[in-house]
Amino acid sequence: MKRIGIIGDKDSVLCFMAAGFSVFITEEEKEAADIIRSAISRDYSVLFVTEELYVRLNEIIEKYKSSPELAILPLPGKGGSMGVGLSNIKSAVEKAVGADILK
């Protein structure tokens, strides 16, 4: 059975433990990158990462972006949305359609 995890600061992710998510509390880029690298071998298929951490992990996220085994998705943190998720959706739609139709 595949698992779902969430990575981020304590205030943003701790509540997801009640929903059955595996929760990884960190604000450190290196620690978060190590969690992402080991996720596939630990049967994770989806990892949510708080947006503040997500933008700092661009290099490793790009590496797994086309992976069919692991989806890494941004999640607004305690400070609210930074627009990272919407930006990713707009980029994907523009790539697929050839134009920005979500203006």
N, C-alpha and C. Protein backbone atom coordinates (compact mmCIF):
# COMPACT_ATOMS: atom_id res chain seq x y z
N MET A 1 0.84 -1.18 0.00
CA MET A 1 0.00 0.00 0.00
C MET A 1 0.89 1.24 0.00
N LYS A 2 0.59 2.16 -0.90
CA LYS A 2 1.35 3.41 -1.01
C LYS A 2 0.96 4.37 0.11
N ARG A 3 1.90 5.23 0.46
CA ARG A 3 1.69 6.15 1.57
C ARG A 3 1.71 7.60 1.09
N ILE A 4 1.14 8.48 1.92
CA ILE A 4 1.14 9.92 1.66
C ILE A 4 1.84 10.60 2.83
N GLY A 5 2.74 11.50 2.51
CA GLY A 5 3.46 12.22 3.56
C GLY A 5 3.38 13.72 3.36
N ILE A 6 3.76 14.43 4.40
CA ILE A 6 3.79 15.88 4.35
C ILE A 6 5.02 16.37 5.09
N ILE A 7 5.70 17.34 4.47
CA ILE A 7 6.95 17.87 5.01
C ILE A 7 6.78 19.36 5.24
N GLY A 8 7.18 19.82 6.42
CA GLY A 8 7.13 21.26 6.67
C GLY A 8 7.29 21.60 8.13
N ASP A 9 7.05 22.86 8.44
CA ASP A 9 7.19 23.32 9.82
C ASP A 9 6.08 22.74 10.69
N LYS A 10 6.34 22.65 11.99
CA LYS A 10 5.44 22.01 12.94
C LYS A 10 4.03 22.59 12.90
N ASP A 11 3.92 23.91 12.91
CA ASP A 11 2.59 24.54 12.95
C ASP A 11 1.76 24.25 11.71
N SER A 12 2.41 24.04 10.58
CA SER A 12 1.69 23.82 9.32
C SER A 12 1.31 22.37 9.09
N VAL A 13 2.07 21.42 9.62
CA VAL A 13 1.86 20.02 9.23
C VAL A 13 1.36 19.08 10.33
N LEU A 14 1.50 19.46 11.57
CA LEU A 14 1.16 18.54 12.67
C LEU A 14 -0.29 18.08 12.63
N CYS A 15 -1.20 18.95 12.22
CA CYS A 15 -2.63 18.59 12.18
C CYS A 15 -2.93 17.47 11.19
N PHE A 16 -2.06 17.26 10.21
CA PHE A 16 -2.29 16.23 9.20
C PHE A 16 -2.07 14.82 9.75
N MET A 17 -1.44 14.74 10.91
CA MET A 17 -1.22 13.44 11.54
C MET A 17 -2.57 12.79 11.86
N ALA A 18 -3.55 13.60 12.26
CA ALA A 18 -4.88 13.10 12.60
C ALA A 18 -5.59 12.50 11.38
N ALA A 19 -5.21 12.93 10.19
CA ALA A 19 -5.82 12.43 8.96
C ALA A 19 -5.08 11.20 8.42
N GLY A 20 -4.05 10.76 9.11
CA GLY A 20 -3.34 9.55 8.70
C GLY A 20 -2.12 9.78 7.83
N PHE A 21 -1.74 11.03 7.62
CA PHE A 21 -0.53 11.34 6.85
C PHE A 21 0.70 11.02 7.69
N SER A 22 1.77 10.65 7.02
CA SER A 22 3.06 10.59 7.68
C SER A 22 3.57 12.02 7.71
N VAL A 23 3.93 12.49 8.88
CA VAL A 23 4.32 13.89 9.04
C VAL A 23 5.82 13.97 9.32
N PHE A 24 6.50 14.80 8.54
CA PHE A 24 7.93 15.03 8.71
C PHE A 24 8.10 16.51 9.06
N ILE A 25 8.46 16.78 10.29
CA ILE A 25 8.60 18.16 10.75
C ILE A 25 10.03 18.62 10.55
N THR A 26 10.19 19.55 9.64
CA THR A 26 11.50 20.15 9.38
C THR A 26 11.33 21.44 8.61
N GLU A 27 12.27 22.33 8.80
CA GLU A 27 12.35 23.55 8.00
C GLU A 27 13.70 23.60 7.30
N GLU A 28 14.48 22.52 7.45
CA GLU A 28 15.82 22.44 6.88
C GLU A 28 15.78 21.82 5.49
N GLU A 29 16.39 22.48 4.53
CA GLU A 29 16.40 22.01 3.15
C GLU A 29 17.05 20.63 3.01
N LYS A 30 18.20 20.44 3.64
CA LYS A 30 18.92 19.17 3.51
C LYS A 30 18.10 18.01 4.06
N GLU A 31 17.51 18.20 5.20
CA GLU A 31 16.69 17.15 5.80
C GLU A 31 15.47 16.83 4.93
N ALA A 32 14.83 17.87 4.41
CA ALA A 32 13.67 17.66 3.53
C ALA A 32 14.09 16.95 2.24
N ALA A 33 15.23 17.32 1.69
CA ALA A 33 15.74 16.67 0.47
C ALA A 33 16.02 15.19 0.73
N ASP A 34 16.57 14.87 1.89
CA ASP A 34 16.83 13.47 2.25
C ASP A 34 15.52 12.68 2.36
N ILE A 35 14.50 13.29 2.92
CA ILE A 35 13.19 12.64 3.04
C ILE A 35 12.63 12.35 1.65
N ILE A 36 12.73 13.33 0.76
CA ILE A 36 12.24 13.15 -0.61
C ILE A 36 13.01 12.03 -1.31
N ARG A 37 14.33 12.02 -1.19
CA ARG A 37 15.15 10.99 -1.84
C ARG A 37 14.79 9.58 -1.38
N SER A 38 14.44 9.43 -0.12
CA SER A 38 14.14 8.10 0.40
C SER A 38 12.67 7.72 0.26
N ALA A 39 11.83 8.63 -0.21
CA ALA A 39 10.39 8.40 -0.25
C ALA A 39 9.97 7.23 -1.12
N ILE A 40 10.55 7.09 -2.29
CA ILE A 40 10.14 6.01 -3.19
C ILE A 40 10.44 4.65 -2.58
N SER A 41 11.60 4.49 -2.01
CA SER A 41 11.95 3.19 -1.41
C SER A 41 11.14 2.91 -0.15
N ARG A 42 10.51 3.93 0.40
CA ARG A 42 9.68 3.75 1.60
C ARG A 42 8.19 3.72 1.25
N ASP A 43 7.88 3.48 -0.03
CA ASP A 43 6.50 3.32 -0.52
C ASP A 43 5.62 4.56 -0.43
N TYR A 44 6.21 5.74 -0.60
CA TYR A 44 5.42 6.96 -0.69
C TYR A 44 5.12 7.24 -2.15
N SER A 45 3.88 7.60 -2.43
CA SER A 45 3.52 7.97 -3.79
C SER A 45 3.23 9.46 -3.90
N VAL A 46 2.91 10.10 -2.76
CA VAL A 46 2.62 11.53 -2.75
C VAL A 46 3.29 12.15 -1.53
N LEU A 47 3.99 13.26 -1.77
CA LEU A 47 4.54 14.07 -0.69
C LEU A 47 4.07 15.51 -0.88
N PHE A 48 3.44 16.05 0.13
CA PHE A 48 3.10 17.46 0.15
C PHE A 48 4.22 18.17 0.88
N VAL A 49 4.61 19.33 0.37
CA VAL A 49 5.68 20.12 0.98
C VAL A 49 5.15 21.53 1.14
N THR A 50 5.32 22.11 2.33
CA THR A 50 4.86 23.48 2.51
C THR A 50 5.55 24.38 1.49
N GLU A 51 4.82 25.38 1.01
CA GLU A 51 5.32 26.23 -0.06
C GLU A 51 6.65 26.90 0.29
N GLU A 52 6.81 27.33 1.52
CA GLU A 52 8.07 27.99 1.91
C GLU A 52 9.26 27.07 1.71
N LEU A 53 9.10 25.80 2.00
CA LEU A 53 10.17 24.82 1.81
C LEU A 53 10.25 24.38 0.35
N TYR A 54 9.11 24.25 -0.29
CA TYR A 54 9.01 23.82 -1.68
C TYR A 54 9.86 24.70 -2.60
N VAL A 55 9.78 26.01 -2.44
CA VAL A 55 10.53 26.91 -3.32
C VAL A 55 12.04 26.81 -3.09
N ARG A 56 12.45 26.40 -1.92
CA ARG A 56 13.87 26.25 -1.64
C ARG A 56 14.42 24.91 -2.09
N LEU A 57 13.53 23.98 -2.45
CA LEU A 57 13.92 22.63 -2.86
C LEU A 57 13.78 22.42 -4.36
N ASN A 58 13.84 23.50 -5.12
CA ASN A 58 13.58 23.45 -6.55
C ASN A 58 14.39 22.39 -7.28
N GLU A 59 15.67 22.26 -6.96
CA GLU A 59 16.54 21.32 -7.68
C GLU A 59 16.07 19.88 -7.53
N ILE A 60 15.81 19.44 -6.33
CA ILE A 60 15.38 18.04 -6.13
C ILE A 60 13.95 17.84 -6.62
N ILE A 61 13.10 18.83 -6.50
CA ILE A 61 11.73 18.69 -6.99
C ILE A 61 11.72 18.56 -8.50
N GLU A 62 12.56 19.32 -9.19
CA GLU A 62 12.67 19.19 -10.64
C GLU A 62 13.10 17.79 -11.05
N LYS A 63 13.97 17.18 -10.25
CA LYS A 63 14.46 15.83 -10.53
C LYS A 63 13.31 14.81 -10.53
N TYR A 64 12.36 15.00 -9.63
CA TYR A 64 11.26 14.05 -9.49
C TYR A 64 9.99 14.48 -10.21
N LYS A 65 9.99 15.66 -10.83
CA LYS A 65 8.79 16.21 -11.45
C LYS A 65 8.16 15.29 -12.49
N SER A 66 8.97 14.58 -13.25
CA SER A 66 8.43 13.70 -14.28
C SER A 66 8.35 12.24 -13.83
N SER A 67 8.60 12.00 -12.55
CA SER A 67 8.56 10.64 -12.02
C SER A 67 7.12 10.14 -11.90
N PRO A 68 6.83 8.97 -12.45
CA PRO A 68 5.48 8.41 -12.28
C PRO A 68 5.30 7.76 -10.91
N GLU A 69 6.39 7.62 -10.17
CA GLU A 69 6.33 6.93 -8.87
C GLU A 69 6.06 7.86 -7.70
N LEU A 70 6.42 9.16 -7.83
CA LEU A 70 6.30 10.07 -6.71
C LEU A 70 5.83 11.45 -7.17
N ALA A 71 4.73 11.91 -6.60
CA ALA A 71 4.23 13.26 -6.86
C ALA A 71 4.60 14.14 -5.66
N ILE A 72 5.23 15.27 -5.95
CA ILE A 72 5.60 16.22 -4.90
C ILE A 72 4.78 17.49 -5.16
N LEU A 73 3.94 17.83 -4.20
CA LEU A 73 2.98 18.92 -4.40
C LEU A 73 3.14 19.99 -3.33
N PRO A 74 3.03 21.27 -3.72
CA PRO A 74 3.12 22.34 -2.73
C PRO A 74 1.83 22.47 -1.93
N LEU A 75 1.99 22.87 -0.69
CA LEU A 75 0.86 23.04 0.21
C LEU A 75 1.06 24.36 0.96
N PRO A 76 0.06 25.22 1.02
CA PRO A 76 0.23 26.47 1.77
C PRO A 76 0.61 26.18 3.22
N GLY A 77 1.48 26.99 3.75
CA GLY A 77 1.91 26.83 5.13
C GLY A 77 1.13 27.73 6.07
N LYS A 78 1.63 27.88 7.26
CA LYS A 78 0.94 28.66 8.29
C LYS A 78 0.76 30.13 7.91
N GLY A 79 1.60 30.64 7.02
CA GLY A 79 1.51 32.03 6.60
C GLY A 79 0.54 32.26 5.46
N GLY A 80 -0.11 31.22 4.99
CA GLY A 80 -1.04 31.34 3.87
C GLY A 80 -0.36 30.98 2.56
N SER A 81 -1.10 31.07 1.48
CA SER A 81 -0.60 30.67 0.17
C SER A 81 0.36 31.71 -0.40
N MET A 82 1.42 31.21 -1.01
CA MET A 82 2.39 32.04 -1.71
C MET A 82 2.11 32.01 -3.22
N GLY A 83 1.11 31.23 -3.65
CA GLY A 83 0.76 31.14 -5.05
C GLY A 83 1.57 30.11 -5.83
N VAL A 84 2.35 29.30 -5.15
CA VAL A 84 3.21 28.33 -5.81
C VAL A 84 2.39 27.26 -6.52
N GLY A 85 1.35 26.76 -5.88
CA GLY A 85 0.51 25.73 -6.48
C GLY A 85 -0.15 26.23 -7.75
N LEU A 86 -0.73 27.41 -7.70
CA LEU A 86 -1.39 27.99 -8.88
C LEU A 86 -0.38 28.23 -10.00
N SER A 87 0.80 28.68 -9.63
CA SER A 87 1.85 28.90 -10.62
C SER A 87 2.22 27.60 -11.32
N ASN A 88 2.31 26.51 -10.57
CA ASN A 88 2.62 25.21 -11.16
C ASN A 88 1.52 24.74 -12.10
N ILE A 89 0.28 24.96 -11.71
CA ILE A 89 -0.85 24.56 -12.55
C ILE A 89 -0.85 25.37 -13.85
N LYS A 90 -0.65 26.68 -13.73
CA LYS A 90 -0.61 27.54 -14.92
C LYS A 90 0.51 27.10 -15.87
N SER A 91 1.66 26.78 -15.31
CA SER A 91 2.80 26.34 -16.12
C SER A 91 2.48 25.03 -16.85
N ALA A 92 1.86 24.09 -16.14
CA ALA A 92 1.53 22.80 -16.75
C ALA A 92 0.49 22.97 -17.85
N VAL A 93 -0.51 23.81 -17.61
CA VAL A 93 -1.55 24.05 -18.62
C VAL A 93 -0.94 24.73 -19.84
N GLU A 94 -0.09 25.72 -19.61
CA GLU A 94 0.55 26.42 -20.73
C GLU A 94 1.41 25.47 -21.56
N LYS A 95 2.08 24.57 -20.88
CA LYS A 95 2.92 23.57 -21.58
C LYS A 95 2.05 22.64 -22.42
N ALA A 96 0.92 22.21 -21.85
CA ALA A 96 0.04 21.27 -22.56
C ALA A 96 -0.73 21.92 -23.69
N VAL A 97 -1.21 23.14 -23.48
CA VAL A 97 -2.07 23.82 -24.44
C VAL A 97 -1.29 24.72 -25.40
N GLY A 98 -0.18 25.24 -24.91
CA GLY A 98 0.62 26.14 -25.73
C GLY A 98 0.33 27.60 -25.51
N ALA A 99 -0.55 27.89 -24.56
CA ALA A 99 -0.88 29.29 -24.24
C ALA A 99 -1.37 29.38 -22.80
N ASP A 100 -1.25 30.56 -22.21
CA ASP A 100 -1.74 30.78 -20.85
C ASP A 100 -3.22 31.09 -20.91
N ILE A 101 -4.05 30.07 -20.65
CA ILE A 101 -5.50 30.25 -20.72
C ILE A 101 -6.11 30.53 -19.34
N LEU A 102 -5.28 30.57 -18.31
CA LEU A 102 -5.76 30.79 -16.95
C LEU A 102 -5.44 32.19 -16.43
N LYS A 103 -5.43 33.16 -17.30
CA LYS A 103 -5.10 34.54 -16.91
C LYS A 103 -6.04 35.09 -15.91
